[in-house]
Each structure stands twice: as C-alpha cells, then as structure tokens.
PDB file of N, CA and C in Angstrom:
ATOM      1  N   MET A   1     -51.878  48.073-152.728  1.00  0.00           N
ATOM      2  CA  MET A   1     -53.304  48.133-152.473  1.00  0.00           C
ATOM      3  C   MET A   1     -53.982  49.345-153.280  1.00  0.00           C
ATOM      4  N   GLN A   2     -54.872  48.984-153.948  1.00  0.00           N
ATOM      5  CA  GLN A   2     -55.690  49.994-154.799  1.00  0.00           C
ATOM      6  C   GLN A   2     -56.501  50.988-153.962  1.00  0.00           C
ATOM      7  N   PRO A   3     -56.463  52.231-154.189  1.00  0.00           N
ATOM      8  CA  PRO A   3     -57.312  53.151-153.551  1.00  0.00           C
ATOM      9  C   PRO A   3     -58.824  52.870-153.758  1.00  0.00           C
ATOM     10  N   LYS A   4     -59.653  52.955-152.761  1.00  0.00           N
ATOM     11  CA  LYS A   4     -61.030  52.666-152.855  1.00  0.00           C
ATOM     12  C   LYS A   4     -61.691  53.875-153.498  1.00  0.00           C
ATOM     13  N   GLU A   5     -62.662  53.699-154.341  1.00  0.00           N
ATOM     14  CA  GLU A   5     -63.455  54.860-154.860  1.00  0.00           C
ATOM     15  C   GLU A   5     -64.409  55.373-153.708  1.00  0.00           C
ATOM     16  N   ASN A   6     -64.611  56.702-153.756  1.00  0.00           N
ATOM     17  CA  ASN A   6     -65.566  57.273-152.978  1.00  0.00           C
ATOM     18  C   ASN A   6     -66.979  56.794-153.225  1.00  0.00           C
ATOM     19  N   PRO A   7     -67.674  56.745-152.045  1.00  0.00           N
ATOM     20  CA  PRO A   7     -69.028  56.237-152.126  1.00  0.00           C
ATOM     21  C   PRO A   7     -70.017  57.245-152.957  1.00  0.00           C
ATOM     22  N   PRO A   8     -71.004  57.002-153.481  1.00  0.00           N
ATOM     23  CA  PRO A   8     -71.940  57.868-154.261  1.00  0.00           C
ATOM     24  C   PRO A   8     -72.253  59.008-153.290  1.00  0.00           C
ATOM     25  N   ASP A   9     -72.705  60.111-153.994  1.00  0.00           N
ATOM     26  CA  ASP A   9     -73.152  61.222-153.092  1.00  0.00           C
ATOM     27  C   ASP A   9     -74.329  60.815-152.206  1.00  0.00           C
ATOM     28  N   GLY A  10     -74.357  61.201-150.941  1.00  0.00           N
ATOM     29  CA  GLY A  10     -75.355  60.784-149.943  1.00  0.00           C
ATOM     30  C   GLY A  10     -75.167  59.585-149.279  1.00  0.00           C
ATOM     31  N   HIS A  11     -74.102  58.768-149.517  1.00  0.00           N
ATOM     32  CA  HIS A  11     -73.697  57.599-148.888  1.00  0.00           C
ATOM     33  C   HIS A  11     -72.402  57.691-148.082  1.00  0.00           C
ATOM     34  N   ALA A  12     -72.149  56.909-147.255  1.00  0.00           N
ATOM     35  CA  ALA A  12     -71.050  56.883-146.413  1.00  0.00           C
ATOM     36  C   ALA A  12     -70.517  55.481-146.192  1.00  0.00           C
ATOM     37  N   ASP A  13     -69.313  55.269-146.409  1.00  0.00           N
ATOM     38  CA  ASP A  13     -68.747  53.844-146.088  1.00  0.00           C
ATOM     39  C   ASP A  13     -68.389  53.820-144.522  1.00  0.00           C
ATOM     40  N   VAL A  14     -68.757  52.780-143.852  1.00  0.00           N
ATOM     41  CA  VAL A  14     -68.492  52.712-142.288  1.00  0.00           C
ATOM     42  C   VAL A  14     -67.728  51.488-142.093  1.00  0.00           C
ATOM     43  N   ARG A  15     -66.632  51.585-141.293  1.00  0.00           N
ATOM     44  CA  ARG A  15     -65.970  50.385-140.814  1.00  0.00           C
ATOM     45  C   ARG A  15     -65.922  50.426-139.315  1.00  0.00           C
ATOM     46  N   ILE A  16     -66.388  49.334-138.744  1.00  0.00           N
ATOM     47  CA  ILE A  16     -66.586  49.044-137.319  1.00  0.00           C
ATOM     48  C   ILE A  16     -65.572  48.026-136.950  1.00  0.00           C
ATOM     49  N   VAL A  17     -64.740  48.335-136.003  1.00  0.00           N
ATOM     50  CA  VAL A  17     -63.738  47.516-135.450  1.00  0.00           C
ATOM     51  C   VAL A  17     -64.006  47.152-134.035  1.00  0.00           C
ATOM     52  N   ALA A  18     -64.231  45.935-133.552  1.00  0.00           N
ATOM     53  CA  ALA A  18     -64.510  45.659-132.269  1.00  0.00           C
ATOM     54  C   ALA A  18     -63.806  44.365-131.811  1.00  0.00           C
ATOM     55  N   ALA A  19     -63.738  44.094-130.580  1.00  0.00           N
ATOM     56  CA  ALA A  19     -62.999  42.969-130.020  1.00  0.00           C
ATOM     57  C   ALA A  19     -63.713  41.780-130.224  1.00  0.00           C
ATOM     58  N   SER A  20     -65.191  41.821-130.453  1.00  0.00           N
ATOM     59  CA  SER A  20     -65.805  40.560-130.657  1.00  0.00           C
ATOM     60  C   SER A  20     -66.840  40.694-131.943  1.00  0.00           C
ATOM     61  N   PRO A  21     -67.225  39.708-132.622  1.00  0.00           N
ATOM     62  CA  PRO A  21     -68.071  39.869-133.763  1.00  0.00           C
ATOM     63  C   PRO A  21     -69.460  40.338-133.108  1.00  0.00           C
ATOM     64  N   GLU A  22     -69.781  39.930-131.848  1.00  0.00           N
ATOM     65  CA  GLU A  22     -71.117  40.352-131.488  1.00  0.00           C
ATOM     66  C   GLU A  22     -71.178  41.857-131.203  1.00  0.00           C
ATOM     67  N   VAL A  23     -70.113  42.383-130.601  1.00  0.00           N
ATOM     68  CA  VAL A  23     -70.152  43.849-130.367  1.00  0.00           C
ATOM     69  C   VAL A  23     -70.308  44.552-131.794  1.00  0.00           C
ATOM     70  N   ALA A  24     -69.473  44.227-132.732  1.00  0.00           N
ATOM     71  CA  ALA A  24     -69.613  44.704-134.023  1.00  0.00           C
ATOM     72  C   ALA A  24     -70.958  44.715-134.782  1.00  0.00           C
ATOM     73  N   ARG A  25     -71.676  43.595-134.500  1.00  0.00           N
ATOM     74  CA  ARG A  25     -72.881  43.322-135.118  1.00  0.00           C
ATOM     75  C   ARG A  25     -73.854  44.317-134.377  1.00  0.00           C
ATOM     76  N   ARG A  26     -73.835  44.460-133.117  1.00  0.00           N
ATOM     77  CA  ARG A  26     -74.758  45.307-132.443  1.00  0.00           C
ATOM     78  C   ARG A  26     -74.675  46.791-132.799  1.00  0.00           C
ATOM     79  N   VAL A  27     -73.382  47.291-133.148  1.00  0.00           N
ATOM     80  CA  VAL A  27     -73.232  48.570-133.806  1.00  0.00           C
ATOM     81  C   VAL A  27     -73.903  48.714-135.003  1.00  0.00           C
ATOM     82  N   ALA A  28     -73.452  47.691-135.836  1.00  0.00           N
ATOM     83  CA  ALA A  28     -74.163  47.613-137.194  1.00  0.00           C
ATOM     84  C   ALA A  28     -75.625  47.713-137.193  1.00  0.00           C
ATOM     85  N   GLU A  29     -76.313  46.985-136.344  1.00  0.00           N
ATOM     86  CA  GLU A  29     -77.803  46.902-136.226  1.00  0.00           C
ATOM     87  C   GLU A  29     -78.237  48.394-135.864  1.00  0.00           C
ATOM     88  N   VAL A  30     -77.665  49.103-135.000  1.00  0.00           N
ATOM     89  CA  VAL A  30     -78.119  50.379-134.654  1.00  0.00           C
ATOM     90  C   VAL A  30     -78.057  51.212-135.947  1.00  0.00           C
ATOM     91  N   LEU A  31     -77.040  51.182-136.808  1.00  0.00           N
ATOM     92  CA  LEU A  31     -76.919  51.909-138.016  1.00  0.00           C
ATOM     93  C   LEU A  31     -78.110  51.590-138.914  1.00  0.00           C
ATOM     94  N   ARG A  32     -78.312  50.187-138.970  1.00  0.00           N
ATOM     95  CA  ARG A  32     -79.510  49.838-139.781  1.00  0.00           C
ATOM     96  C   ARG A  32     -80.813  50.276-139.445  1.00  0.00           C
ATOM     97  N   HIS A  33     -81.044  50.694-138.191  1.00  0.00           N
ATOM     98  CA  HIS A  33     -82.338  51.171-137.640  1.00  0.00           C
ATOM     99  C   HIS A  33     -82.469  52.746-138.057  1.00  0.00           C
ATOM    100  N   CYS A  34     -81.396  53.261-138.369  1.00  0.00           N
ATOM    101  CA  CYS A  34     -81.380  54.679-138.765  1.00  0.00           C
ATOM    102  C   CYS A  34     -81.225  55.022-140.200  1.00  0.00           C
ATOM    103  N   PHE A  35     -80.433  53.900-140.998  1.00  0.00           N
ATOM    104  CA  PHE A  35     -80.138  54.212-142.337  1.00  0.00           C
ATOM    105  C   PHE A  35     -80.452  52.896-143.150  1.00  0.00           C
ATOM    106  N   ALA A  36     -80.767  53.120-144.387  1.00  0.00           N
ATOM    107  CA  ALA A  36     -80.665  52.089-145.270  1.00  0.00           C
ATOM    108  C   ALA A  36     -79.184  51.513-145.401  1.00  0.00           C
ATOM    109  N   THR A  37     -78.940  50.436-145.397  1.00  0.00           N
ATOM    110  CA  THR A  37     -77.388  49.889-145.525  1.00  0.00           C
ATOM    111  C   THR A  37     -77.328  48.821-146.517  1.00  0.00           C
ATOM    112  N   THR A  38     -76.085  48.676-146.963  1.00  0.00           N
ATOM    113  CA  THR A  38     -75.689  47.475-147.692  1.00  0.00           C
ATOM    114  C   THR A  38     -75.515  46.255-146.790  1.00  0.00           C
ATOM    115  N   GLU A  39     -75.263  45.004-147.308  1.00  0.00           N
ATOM    116  CA  GLU A  39     -75.020  44.011-146.601  1.00  0.00           C
ATOM    117  C   GLU A  39     -73.644  44.145-145.975  1.00  0.00           C
ATOM    118  N   GLN A  40     -73.505  43.863-144.697  1.00  0.00           N
ATOM    119  CA  GLN A  40     -72.176  44.097-144.110  1.00  0.00           C
ATOM    120  C   GLN A  40     -71.184  42.965-144.537  1.00  0.00           C
ATOM    121  N   ARG A  41     -70.023  43.420-144.485  1.00  0.00           N
ATOM    122  CA  ARG A  41     -68.963  42.445-144.801  1.00  0.00           C
ATOM    123  C   ARG A  41     -67.998  42.286-143.551  1.00  0.00           C
ATOM    124  N   SER A  42     -67.693  41.115-143.366  1.00  0.00           N
ATOM    125  CA  SER A  42     -66.968  40.820-141.991  1.00  0.00           C
ATOM    126  C   SER A  42     -65.528  40.292-142.334  1.00  0.00           C
ATOM    127  N   TYR A  43     -64.494  40.843-141.439  1.00  0.00           N
ATOM    128  CA  TYR A  43     -63.178  40.428-141.762  1.00  0.00           C
ATOM    129  C   TYR A  43     -62.457  40.308-140.364  1.00  0.00           C
ATOM    130  N   PRO A  44     -61.491  39.509-140.296  1.00  0.00           N
ATOM    131  CA  PRO A  44     -60.757  39.450-138.973  1.00  0.00           C
ATOM    132  C   PRO A  44     -60.002  40.871-138.875  1.00  0.00           C
ATOM    133  N   ALA A  45     -59.978  41.435-137.584  1.00  0.00           N
ATOM    134  CA  ALA A  45     -59.273  42.700-137.470  1.00  0.00           C
ATOM    135  C   ALA A  45     -57.840  42.689-137.112  1.00  0.00           C
ATOM    136  N   ASP A  46     -57.619  41.589-136.306  1.00  0.00           N
ATOM    137  CA  ASP A  46     -56.171  41.395-135.820  1.00  0.00           C
ATOM    138  C   ASP A  46     -55.955  39.974-135.321  1.00  0.00           C
ATOM    139  N   ALA A  47     -54.801  39.577-134.938  1.00  0.00           N
ATOM    140  CA  ALA A  47     -54.468  38.369-134.471  1.00  0.00           C
ATOM    141  C   ALA A  47     -55.043  37.994-133.195  1.00  0.00           C
ATOM    142  N   GLN A  48     -55.609  38.944-132.486  1.00  0.00           N
ATOM    143  CA  GLN A  48     -56.086  38.742-131.112  1.00  0.00           C
ATOM    144  C   GLN A  48     -57.543  38.373-131.194  1.00  0.00           C
ATOM    145  N   GLY A  49     -58.180  38.198-132.379  1.00  0.00           N
ATOM    146  CA  GLY A  49     -59.467  37.857-132.612  1.00  0.00           C
ATOM    147  C   GLY A  49     -60.552  38.989-132.753  1.00  0.00           C
ATOM    148  N   GLY A  50     -60.053  40.159-132.943  1.00  0.00           N
ATOM    149  CA  GLY A  50     -60.960  41.270-133.307  1.00  0.00           C
ATOM    150  C   GLY A  50     -61.707  41.142-134.585  1.00  0.00           C
ATOM    151  N   THR A  51     -62.723  41.668-134.797  1.00  0.00           N
ATOM    152  CA  THR A  51     -63.488  41.787-135.931  1.00  0.00           C
ATOM    153  C   THR A  51     -63.736  43.200-136.534  1.00  0.00           C
ATOM    154  N   ARG A  52     -63.634  43.158-137.930  1.00  0.00           N
ATOM    155  CA  ARG A  52     -63.973  44.365-138.597  1.00  0.00           C
ATOM    156  C   ARG A  52     -65.272  44.156-139.507  1.00  0.00           C
ATOM    157  N   LEU A  53     -66.189  44.990-139.427  1.00  0.00           N
ATOM    158  CA  LEU A  53     -67.317  44.991-140.297  1.00  0.00           C
ATOM    159  C   LEU A  53     -67.395  46.273-141.104  1.00  0.00           C
ATOM    160  N   GLU A  54     -67.586  46.179-142.462  1.00  0.00           N
ATOM    161  CA  GLU A  54     -67.697  47.245-143.321  1.00  0.00           C
ATOM    162  C   GLU A  54     -69.240  47.131-143.969  1.00  0.00           C
ATOM    163  N   LEU A  55     -69.672  48.430-144.007  1.00  0.00           N
ATOM    164  CA  LEU A  55     -71.004  48.439-144.721  1.00  0.00           C
ATOM    165  C   LEU A  55     -71.089  49.926-145.268  1.00  0.00           C
ATOM    166  N   THR A  56     -72.118  50.216-146.035  1.00  0.00           N
ATOM    167  CA  THR A  56     -72.220  51.529-146.724  1.00  0.00           C
ATOM    168  C   THR A  56     -73.650  51.883-146.300  1.00  0.00           C
ATOM    169  N   VAL A  57     -73.831  53.143-145.662  1.00  0.00           N
ATOM    170  CA  VAL A  57     -75.176  53.616-145.286  1.00  0.00           C
ATOM    171  C   VAL A  57     -75.579  54.706-146.282  1.00  0.00           C
ATOM    172  N   ASP A  58     -76.848  54.665-146.517  1.00  0.00           N
ATOM    173  CA  ASP A  58     -77.492  55.687-147.458  1.00  0.00           C
ATOM    174  C   ASP A  58     -78.102  56.857-146.633  1.00  0.00           C
ATOM    175  N   THR A  59     -77.532  58.041-146.499  1.00  0.00           N
ATOM    176  CA  THR A  59     -78.056  59.069-145.700  1.00  0.00           C
ATOM    177  C   THR A  59     -79.099  59.753-146.243  1.00  0.00           C
ATOM    178  N   THR A  60     -79.450  59.409-147.682  1.00  0.00           N
ATOM    179  CA  THR A  60     -80.678  60.074-148.255  1.00  0.00           C
ATOM    180  C   THR A  60     -81.820  59.431-147.918  1.00  0.00           C
ATOM    181  N   SER A  61     -81.882  58.295-147.389  1.00  0.00           N
ATOM    182  CA  SER A  61     -83.085  57.705-146.862  1.00  0.00           C
ATOM    183  C   SER A  61     -83.067  57.242-145.265  1.00  0.00           C
ATOM    184  N   ALA A  62     -82.697  58.243-144.541  1.00  0.00           N
ATOM    185  CA  ALA A  62     -82.501  58.088-143.133  1.00  0.00           C
ATOM    186  C   ALA A  62     -83.900  57.954-142.470  1.00  0.00           C
ATOM    187  N   ALA A  63     -83.934  57.231-141.396  1.00  0.00           N
ATOM    188  CA  ALA A  63     -85.144  57.101-140.631  1.00  0.00           C
ATOM    189  C   ALA A  63     -84.898  57.869-139.394  1.00  0.00           C
ATOM    190  N   GLU A  64     -86.028  58.212-138.622  1.00  0.00           N
ATOM    191  CA  GLU A  64     -85.898  58.895-137.323  1.00  0.00           C
ATOM    192  C   GLU A  64     -85.085  58.151-136.435  1.00  0.00           C
ATOM    193  N   PRO A  65     -84.339  58.638-135.435  1.00  0.00           N
ATOM    194  CA  PRO A  65     -83.976  60.105-135.336  1.00  0.00           C
ATOM    195  C   PRO A  65     -82.934  60.538-136.245  1.00  0.00           C
ATOM    196  N   ALA A  66     -82.241  59.767-136.937  1.00  0.00           N
ATOM    197  CA  ALA A  66     -81.101  60.179-137.900  1.00  0.00           C
ATOM    198  C   ALA A  66     -81.672  61.317-138.882  1.00  0.00           C
ATOM    199  N   ARG A  67     -82.804  61.185-139.345  1.00  0.00           N
ATOM    200  CA  ARG A  67     -83.322  62.276-140.158  1.00  0.00           C
ATOM    201  C   ARG A  67     -83.313  63.540-139.564  1.00  0.00           C
ATOM    202  N   SER A  68     -83.886  63.705-138.375  1.00  0.00           N
ATOM    203  CA  SER A  68     -83.943  64.928-137.775  1.00  0.00           C
ATOM    204  C   SER A  68     -82.490  65.495-137.422  1.00  0.00           C
ATOM    205  N   TRP A  69     -81.602  64.583-137.009  1.00  0.00           N
ATOM    206  CA  TRP A  69     -80.170  65.118-136.712  1.00  0.00           C
ATOM    207  C   TRP A  69     -79.560  65.456-138.078  1.00  0.00           C
ATOM    208  N   LEU A  70     -79.768  64.844-139.178  1.00  0.00           N
ATOM    209  CA  LEU A  70     -79.071  65.178-140.286  1.00  0.00           C
ATOM    210  C   LEU A  70     -79.580  66.530-140.757  1.00  0.00           C
ATOM    211  N   GLU A  71     -80.993  66.773-140.684  1.00  0.00           N
ATOM    212  CA  GLU A  71     -81.505  68.126-141.104  1.00  0.00           C
ATOM    213  C   GLU A  71     -80.989  69.246-140.221  1.00  0.00           C
ATOM    214  N   THR A  72     -80.912  69.020-138.964  1.00  0.00           N
ATOM    215  CA  THR A  72     -80.469  70.026-138.070  1.00  0.00           C
ATOM    216  C   THR A  72     -78.980  70.341-138.267  1.00  0.00           C
ATOM    217  N   SER A  73     -78.254  69.286-138.565  1.00  0.00           N
ATOM    218  CA  SER A  73     -76.750  69.382-138.696  1.00  0.00           C
ATOM    219  C   SER A  73     -76.479  70.263-140.113  1.00  0.00           C
ATOM    220  N   ARG A  74     -77.277  69.941-141.100  1.00  0.00           N
ATOM    221  CA  ARG A  74     -77.026  70.770-142.328  1.00  0.00           C
ATOM    222  C   ARG A  74     -77.259  72.296-142.177  1.00  0.00           C
ATOM    223  N   SER A  75     -78.181  72.727-141.218  1.00  0.00           N
ATOM    224  CA  SER A  75     -78.511  74.081-141.090  1.00  0.00           C
ATOM    225  C   SER A  75     -77.838  74.760-139.875  1.00  0.00           C
ATOM    226  N   SER A  76     -76.996  73.986-139.245  1.00  0.00           N
ATOM    227  CA  SER A  76     -76.392  74.617-138.016  1.00  0.00           C
ATOM    228  C   SER A  76     -75.000  75.200-138.306  1.00  0.00           C
ATOM    229  N   GLY A  77     -74.626  75.494-139.551  1.00  0.00           N
ATOM    230  CA  GLY A  77     -73.398  76.277-139.760  1.00  0.00           C
ATOM    231  C   GLY A  77     -72.501  75.530-140.681  1.00  0.00           C
ATOM    232  N   LYS A  78     -71.551  76.204-141.217  1.00  0.00           N
ATOM    233  CA  LYS A  78     -70.719  75.615-142.149  1.00  0.00           C
ATOM    234  C   LYS A  78     -69.294  75.220-141.694  1.00  0.00           C
ATOM    235  N   ASP A  79     -68.998  75.618-140.454  1.00  0.00           N
ATOM    236  CA  ASP A  79     -67.722  75.306-139.809  1.00  0.00           C
ATOM    237  C   ASP A  79     -67.474  74.019-139.396  1.00  0.00           C
ATOM    238  N   GLY A  80     -68.526  73.097-139.276  1.00  0.00           N
ATOM    239  CA  GLY A  80     -68.461  71.700-138.970  1.00  0.00           C
ATOM    240  C   GLY A  80     -68.351  71.431-137.322  1.00  0.00           C
ATOM    241  N   ARG A  81     -68.538  72.537-136.594  1.00  0.00           N
ATOM    242  CA  ARG A  81     -68.517  72.374-135.240  1.00  0.00           C
ATOM    243  C   ARG A  81     -69.920  72.126-134.636  1.00  0.00           C
ATOM    244  N   ARG A  82     -70.201  71.515-133.566  1.00  0.00           N
ATOM    245  CA  ARG A  82     -71.457  71.161-133.117  1.00  0.00           C
ATOM    246  C   ARG A  82     -71.793  72.539-132.314  1.00  0.00           C
ATOM    247  N   LYS A  83     -73.002  72.735-132.315  1.00  0.00           N
ATOM    248  CA  LYS A  83     -73.471  73.908-131.475  1.00  0.00           C
ATOM    249  C   LYS A  83     -74.221  73.513-130.395  1.00  0.00           C
TER     250      LYS A  83
END
C-alpha cells in the first residue's frame, strides 16, 4: 500500500467509520456546515456492514462556530492541551 501524501496546508483528511451509512453521512453533514469540504468517498468498513467515509476539510474557510473555535485554539497555548 502506497503511503498517502499529506493534505495541503490548512486542510485535514477526515475518515468517518460508522455502523451504518446514514450515521456516517450525518457526521459528514455536520462537517460540511462548518468547513468547505471535498466530495465524500464511501467504502465498506468491514464484513458486518459498516461504512467508511473519507473527505478533506478546508480549515482556512471555516464557517461559524468552527471559525471561532479555530481562532481560540490557535491562541490558547502551544502545548496542545485544552484550557
């Protein structure tokens, strides 16, 4: 398996694994409300019928409330812990 390239700066690759396609789609929809995203790609997750969705989010064009959260998290310290 070839290693995947890192997404461009300001973007994040997201993988959603859920027991059903509907649950995975609901989570992807929430992300779409907060960030610009690529078209989702859907794959079977396992033999029991799970679903895996993959998409890329663009954190440079975040909508509220994600924008506020991103701005706050950038200025809250460099150690990565929540305050």
